[in-house]
């Protein structure tokens, strides 16, 4: 009998387990302090609910698929956000919830990338730009409590769409082009340019490389400025990153990403989206990358 853990899964014992417990405690206490209430949801859901309208997203295509004795097509949750479509029903808005627990992705494992990881997630259903600033402030507070030196990067999917329109990219290719742009921190500019050539979108790279002042001419850049202004009031430093897109296609406004010194992978990620016709926003981190 093979008693070894399956590739991409891990046991945590002793000091490592204690450290994870302490980090989880710091995060949950901070979430509670800012009025977020806890929630718990099933690990297993119907496959069609898990996939939603985003079946082409990389994270969604990596779901673990299951089948029960009744031959029902099921899947392990790959994140918590999609489950909010159910939780938000009949909730008084704004609904502020947090959740900490395991999520699963059937993807290649490298470094701090596992197939099961503990996600720490906050969302506000019925949100405004003020809530985006609050969530980034909470992120800063957690980073400070964990003594992590990190930078918070922001962008806006509306701004990216406006840039693609000006660059005359075919609308049907928007999501594909955005996915390529989002790989700029993983691939070389030459590789990205070659990939964009398929969509006649090389011009987009030239626009994204310009200084921040050049984005003043775009109508949707004012949303970045508004977020910057509110974050300054909180004392939260954010950096505009015009190529930041985040992989999930449900984002419809601001997107966030946090990079820490000495950690290659993103430690927090999130953004704003609309579920059931209600504007919402959220951010999450993986416990494994913080420990």
Protein backbone atom coordinates (compact mmCIF):
# COMPACT_ATOMS: atom_id res chain seq x y z
CA UNK A 1 0.00 0.00 0.00
CA UNK A 2 1.38 3.42 -1.01
CA UNK A 3 0.97 5.79 1.94
CA UNK A 4 2.77 8.73 0.32
CA UNK A 5 0.79 11.92 -0.35
CA UNK A 6 -0.50 12.42 -3.90
CA UNK A 7 1.57 14.89 -5.94
CA UNK A 8 0.42 18.43 -5.20
CA UNK A 9 -0.94 17.58 -1.73
CA UNK A 10 0.87 17.92 1.59
CA UNK A 11 0.74 17.09 5.29
CA UNK A 12 1.46 19.87 7.82
CA UNK A 13 2.84 18.97 11.24
CA UNK A 14 4.59 20.48 14.24
CA UNK A 15 5.99 24.00 13.92
CA UNK A 16 4.79 24.33 10.34
CA UNK A 17 1.20 23.52 11.36
CA UNK A 18 1.44 25.95 14.32
CA UNK A 19 2.70 28.72 12.05
CA UNK A 20 -0.19 28.15 9.61
CA UNK A 21 -2.65 28.24 12.50
CA UNK A 22 -1.21 31.56 13.73
CA UNK A 23 -1.40 33.12 10.25
CA UNK A 24 -4.98 31.90 9.85
CA UNK A 25 -5.84 33.44 13.23
CA UNK A 26 -4.32 36.83 12.29
CA UNK A 27 -6.23 36.88 9.00
CA UNK A 28 -9.61 35.82 10.45
CA UNK A 29 -9.34 38.29 13.35
CA UNK A 30 -8.60 41.13 10.91
CA UNK A 31 -11.53 40.17 8.69
CA UNK A 32 -13.84 40.07 11.73
CA UNK A 33 -12.54 43.43 12.96
CA UNK A 34 -13.72 45.06 9.71
CA UNK A 35 -17.22 43.62 9.87
CA UNK A 36 -16.92 40.58 7.63
CA UNK A 37 -18.94 37.58 8.80
CA UNK A 38 -17.70 34.01 8.36
CA UNK A 39 -19.23 31.50 5.95
CA UNK A 40 -18.69 27.84 5.14
CA UNK A 41 -19.61 26.19 1.85
CA UNK A 42 -19.44 22.64 0.41
CA UNK A 43 -16.20 21.42 -1.15
CA UNK A 44 -18.20 19.55 -3.80
CA UNK A 45 -20.67 21.29 -6.14
CA UNK A 46 -22.41 20.47 -9.43
CA UNK A 47 -19.88 20.73 -12.24
CA UNK A 48 -22.03 23.15 -14.25
CA UNK A 49 -22.24 25.51 -11.25
CA UNK A 50 -18.47 25.36 -10.69
CA UNK A 51 -17.76 26.08 -14.38
CA UNK A 52 -20.42 28.81 -14.67
CA UNK A 53 -20.01 31.04 -17.71
CA UNK A 54 -16.22 31.01 -17.36
CA UNK A 55 -15.37 27.51 -18.63
CA UNK A 56 -12.51 28.83 -20.80
CA UNK A 57 -10.67 30.37 -17.84
CA UNK A 58 -7.49 28.49 -16.94
CA UNK A 59 -8.49 28.02 -13.29
CA UNK A 60 -11.90 26.65 -14.30
CA UNK A 61 -10.43 24.27 -16.89
CA UNK A 62 -8.22 22.86 -14.07
CA UNK A 63 -11.10 21.74 -11.83
CA UNK A 64 -11.18 18.24 -10.35
CA UNK A 65 -14.18 16.48 -11.91
CA UNK A 66 -16.12 13.83 -9.98
CA UNK A 67 -19.11 11.55 -10.45
CA UNK A 68 -21.24 10.15 -7.63
CA UNK A 69 -23.19 6.87 -7.52
CA UNK A 70 -26.13 8.62 -9.11
CA UNK A 71 -23.92 9.47 -12.13
CA UNK A 72 -24.24 13.19 -11.34
CA UNK A 73 -21.42 15.33 -12.77
CA UNK A 74 -19.75 17.07 -9.84
CA UNK A 75 -16.52 18.99 -9.18
CA UNK A 76 -14.35 20.18 -6.31
CA UNK A 77 -14.49 23.94 -5.75
CA UNK A 78 -11.50 25.78 -7.25
CA UNK A 79 -12.23 29.02 -5.30
CA UNK A 80 -14.98 30.51 -3.11
CA UNK A 81 -16.16 33.45 -5.19
CA UNK A 82 -18.52 31.59 -7.54
CA UNK A 83 -20.37 30.16 -4.51
CA UNK A 84 -21.38 33.70 -3.58
CA UNK A 85 -23.97 33.51 -6.35
CA UNK A 86 -25.91 31.29 -3.95
CA UNK A 87 -24.89 32.85 -0.62
CA UNK A 88 -25.86 36.38 -1.65
CA UNK A 89 -29.54 35.52 -2.14
CA UNK A 90 -31.80 37.39 0.29
CA UNK A 91 -28.83 39.04 2.02
CA UNK A 92 -29.04 42.62 3.17
CA UNK A 93 -26.57 44.68 1.12
CA UNK A 94 -23.75 45.34 1.42
CA UNK A 95 -23.10 41.71 2.38
CA UNK A 96 -19.57 41.33 3.75
CA UNK A 97 -18.39 37.76 4.14
CA UNK A 98 -15.10 35.98 4.63
CA UNK A 99 -14.16 32.35 4.21
CA UNK A 100 -11.04 30.32 4.96
CA UNK A 101 -10.72 26.74 3.76
CA UNK A 102 -9.36 24.30 1.18
CA UNK A 103 -9.81 24.70 -2.59
CA UNK A 104 -8.56 22.40 -5.35
CA UNK A 105 -7.02 22.72 -8.81
CA UNK A 106 -5.86 19.86 -11.03
CA UNK A 107 -2.84 21.69 -12.42
CA UNK A 108 0.95 21.25 -12.63
CA UNK A 109 2.73 21.77 -9.31
CA UNK A 110 5.77 24.03 -8.98
CA UNK A 111 7.26 25.87 -5.99
CA UNK A 112 4.39 27.14 -3.83
CA UNK A 113 1.72 25.96 -6.28
CA UNK A 114 -0.24 23.00 -4.86
CA UNK A 115 -3.33 21.09 -6.00
CA UNK A 116 -4.96 21.65 -2.62
CA UNK A 117 -4.38 24.95 -0.89
CA UNK A 118 -6.06 26.98 1.84
CA UNK A 119 -7.68 30.12 0.49
CA UNK A 120 -8.45 33.14 2.69
CA UNK A 121 -11.10 35.20 0.98
CA UNK A 122 -13.12 38.39 1.61
CA UNK A 123 -15.85 39.82 -0.58
CA UNK A 124 -18.34 42.68 -0.43
CA UNK A 125 -21.56 42.12 -2.36
CA UNK A 126 -23.03 45.51 -3.26
CA UNK A 127 -19.76 47.42 -3.46
CA UNK A 128 -18.38 50.77 -4.58
CA UNK A 129 -14.86 52.10 -5.13
CA UNK A 130 -14.81 52.95 -1.40
CA UNK A 131 -15.14 49.25 -0.64
CA UNK A 132 -12.28 48.47 -3.03
CA UNK A 133 -10.09 50.89 -1.07
CA UNK A 134 -11.22 49.31 2.23
CA UNK A 135 -10.30 45.82 1.00
CA UNK A 136 -6.85 47.02 -0.09
CA UNK A 137 -6.41 48.69 3.31
CA UNK A 138 -7.29 45.41 5.06
CA UNK A 139 -4.74 43.67 2.83
CA UNK A 140 -2.08 46.22 3.88
CA UNK A 141 -2.90 45.67 7.56
CA UNK A 142 -2.53 41.88 7.22
CA UNK A 143 0.78 42.29 5.38
CA UNK A 144 2.02 44.55 8.21
CA UNK A 145 0.91 42.09 10.90
CA UNK A 146 2.78 39.30 9.08
CA UNK A 147 5.86 41.54 8.65
CA UNK A 148 5.77 41.05 4.89
CA UNK A 149 7.36 43.67 2.65
CA UNK A 150 5.04 43.81 -0.34
CA UNK A 151 3.61 46.00 -3.09
CA UNK A 152 -0.05 46.29 -4.09
CA UNK A 153 -0.63 46.58 -7.83
CA UNK A 154 -3.92 47.71 -9.40
CA UNK A 155 -5.46 48.06 -12.82
CA UNK A 156 -8.94 48.18 -14.33
CA UNK A 157 -10.47 45.80 -16.86
CA UNK A 158 -12.54 48.67 -18.31
CA UNK A 159 -9.31 50.53 -19.03
CA UNK A 160 -7.84 47.46 -20.73
CA UNK A 161 -10.98 47.13 -22.87
CA UNK A 162 -10.76 50.80 -23.84
CA UNK A 163 -7.10 50.36 -24.84
CA UNK A 164 -8.01 47.30 -26.96
CA UNK A 165 -10.73 49.30 -28.70
CA UNK A 166 -8.31 52.14 -29.51
CA UNK A 167 -5.77 49.57 -30.77
CA UNK A 168 -8.57 48.26 -33.06
CA UNK A 169 -8.48 44.73 -31.67
CA UNK A 170 -11.46 42.62 -32.79
CA UNK A 171 -13.96 42.45 -29.90
CA UNK A 172 -14.22 38.66 -30.15
CA UNK A 173 -10.49 38.47 -29.35
CA UNK A 174 -10.56 40.73 -26.28
CA UNK A 175 -10.40 37.91 -23.70
CA UNK A 176 -7.64 36.07 -25.59
CA UNK A 177 -5.54 39.23 -25.88
CA UNK A 178 -6.06 40.06 -22.19
CA UNK A 179 -4.91 36.55 -21.24
CA UNK A 180 -1.72 37.07 -23.26
CA UNK A 181 -1.08 40.48 -21.66
CA UNK A 182 -1.51 38.93 -18.22
CA UNK A 183 1.47 36.65 -18.93
CA UNK A 184 3.93 39.56 -19.08
CA UNK A 185 5.37 38.62 -15.68
CA UNK A 186 5.93 35.02 -16.84
CA UNK A 187 7.05 35.31 -20.50
CA UNK A 188 9.41 37.67 -22.31
CA UNK A 189 8.08 40.68 -24.17
CA UNK A 190 9.25 39.07 -27.44
CA UNK A 191 7.13 35.97 -26.73
CA UNK A 192 4.08 38.06 -25.80
CA UNK A 193 4.46 40.21 -28.93
CA UNK A 194 4.62 37.07 -31.06
CA UNK A 195 1.45 35.72 -29.41
CA UNK A 196 -0.37 39.04 -29.89
CA UNK A 197 0.50 39.09 -33.56
CA UNK A 198 -2.13 36.39 -34.12
CA UNK A 199 -4.76 38.95 -33.14
CA UNK A 200 -3.13 42.00 -34.78
CA UNK A 201 -2.76 43.38 -31.26
CA UNK A 202 0.99 44.12 -31.01
CA UNK A 203 0.19 47.84 -30.72
CA UNK A 204 -1.37 47.16 -27.30
CA UNK A 205 2.07 46.40 -25.83
CA UNK A 206 3.43 49.75 -26.99
CA UNK A 207 0.55 51.56 -25.28
CA UNK A 208 1.02 49.62 -22.01
CA UNK A 209 4.75 50.46 -21.88
CA UNK A 210 4.12 54.23 -21.79
CA UNK A 211 4.41 56.25 -18.55
CA UNK A 212 1.36 56.53 -16.30
CA UNK A 213 0.71 60.15 -17.31
CA UNK A 214 -0.08 58.98 -20.86
CA UNK A 215 -3.15 57.09 -19.58
CA UNK A 216 -4.86 60.36 -18.59
CA UNK A 217 -6.36 60.48 -22.09
CA UNK A 218 -8.42 57.32 -21.49
CA UNK A 219 -11.92 57.90 -20.14
CA UNK A 220 -11.83 54.96 -17.73
CA UNK A 221 -8.49 55.95 -16.17
CA UNK A 222 -10.45 58.23 -13.80
CA UNK A 223 -11.51 55.06 -11.91
CA UNK A 224 -7.84 54.30 -11.19
CA UNK A 225 -7.35 57.89 -9.98
CA UNK A 226 -10.39 57.66 -7.70
CA UNK A 227 -9.09 54.42 -6.17
CA UNK A 228 -5.62 55.97 -5.71
CA UNK A 229 -7.16 58.98 -3.94
CA UNK A 230 -9.18 56.84 -1.52
CA UNK A 231 -6.22 54.55 -0.81
CA UNK A 232 -4.10 57.59 0.08
CA UNK A 233 -6.70 58.53 2.71
CA UNK A 234 -6.22 55.08 4.25
CA UNK A 235 -2.45 55.40 4.03
CA UNK A 236 -2.34 52.48 1.60
CA UNK A 237 0.23 52.67 -1.19
CA UNK A 238 -0.85 51.18 -4.51
CA UNK A 239 0.95 51.00 -7.86
CA UNK A 240 -0.74 51.32 -11.23
CA UNK A 241 0.15 48.34 -13.45
CA UNK A 242 -1.48 48.75 -16.90
CA UNK A 243 -0.74 45.16 -17.97
CA UNK A 244 -2.35 43.58 -14.89
CA UNK A 245 -5.46 41.67 -15.92
CA UNK A 246 -5.93 38.66 -13.58
CA UNK A 247 -6.96 35.44 -15.26
CA UNK A 248 -10.67 35.16 -14.49
CA UNK A 249 -12.99 36.63 -17.10
CA UNK A 250 -15.74 37.63 -14.64
CA UNK A 251 -13.75 40.69 -13.49
CA UNK A 252 -15.41 43.83 -14.84
CA UNK A 253 -13.59 46.69 -13.09
CA UNK A 254 -10.63 47.10 -10.73
CA UNK A 255 -8.19 44.20 -10.38
CA UNK A 256 -5.61 43.76 -7.62
CA UNK A 257 -2.43 41.78 -7.14
CA UNK A 258 0.12 41.74 -4.32
CA UNK A 259 3.77 40.74 -4.73
CA UNK A 260 6.03 40.23 -1.71
CA UNK A 261 9.78 40.57 -1.52
CA UNK A 262 11.42 37.15 -1.73
CA UNK A 263 8.27 35.36 -2.95
CA UNK A 264 8.03 34.71 -6.68
CA UNK A 265 4.30 34.01 -6.81
CA UNK A 266 1.44 36.46 -6.26
CA UNK A 267 0.35 36.32 -2.60
CA UNK A 268 -2.99 38.20 -2.85
CA UNK A 269 -5.20 38.59 -5.90
CA UNK A 270 -8.70 39.81 -6.63
CA UNK A 271 -10.87 42.43 -8.19
CA UNK A 272 -14.39 43.62 -8.88
CA UNK A 273 -17.13 41.66 -10.62
CA UNK A 274 -20.89 41.49 -11.02
CA UNK A 275 -23.00 38.58 -9.79
CA UNK A 276 -26.79 38.42 -10.13
CA UNK A 277 -26.74 42.03 -11.40
CA UNK A 278 -25.02 43.35 -8.27
CA UNK A 279 -21.57 44.97 -8.34
CA UNK A 280 -19.16 43.28 -5.94
CA UNK A 281 -15.48 43.18 -5.04
CA UNK A 282 -13.06 40.90 -3.22
CA UNK A 283 -9.53 39.68 -2.66
CA UNK A 284 -7.99 36.40 -1.52
CA UNK A 285 -4.67 34.86 -0.60
CA UNK A 286 -3.30 31.35 -0.35
CA UNK A 287 -2.11 30.39 3.14
CA UNK A 288 0.75 28.33 1.68
CA UNK A 289 2.36 31.41 0.11
CA UNK A 290 2.25 33.31 3.38
CA UNK A 291 3.81 30.54 5.45
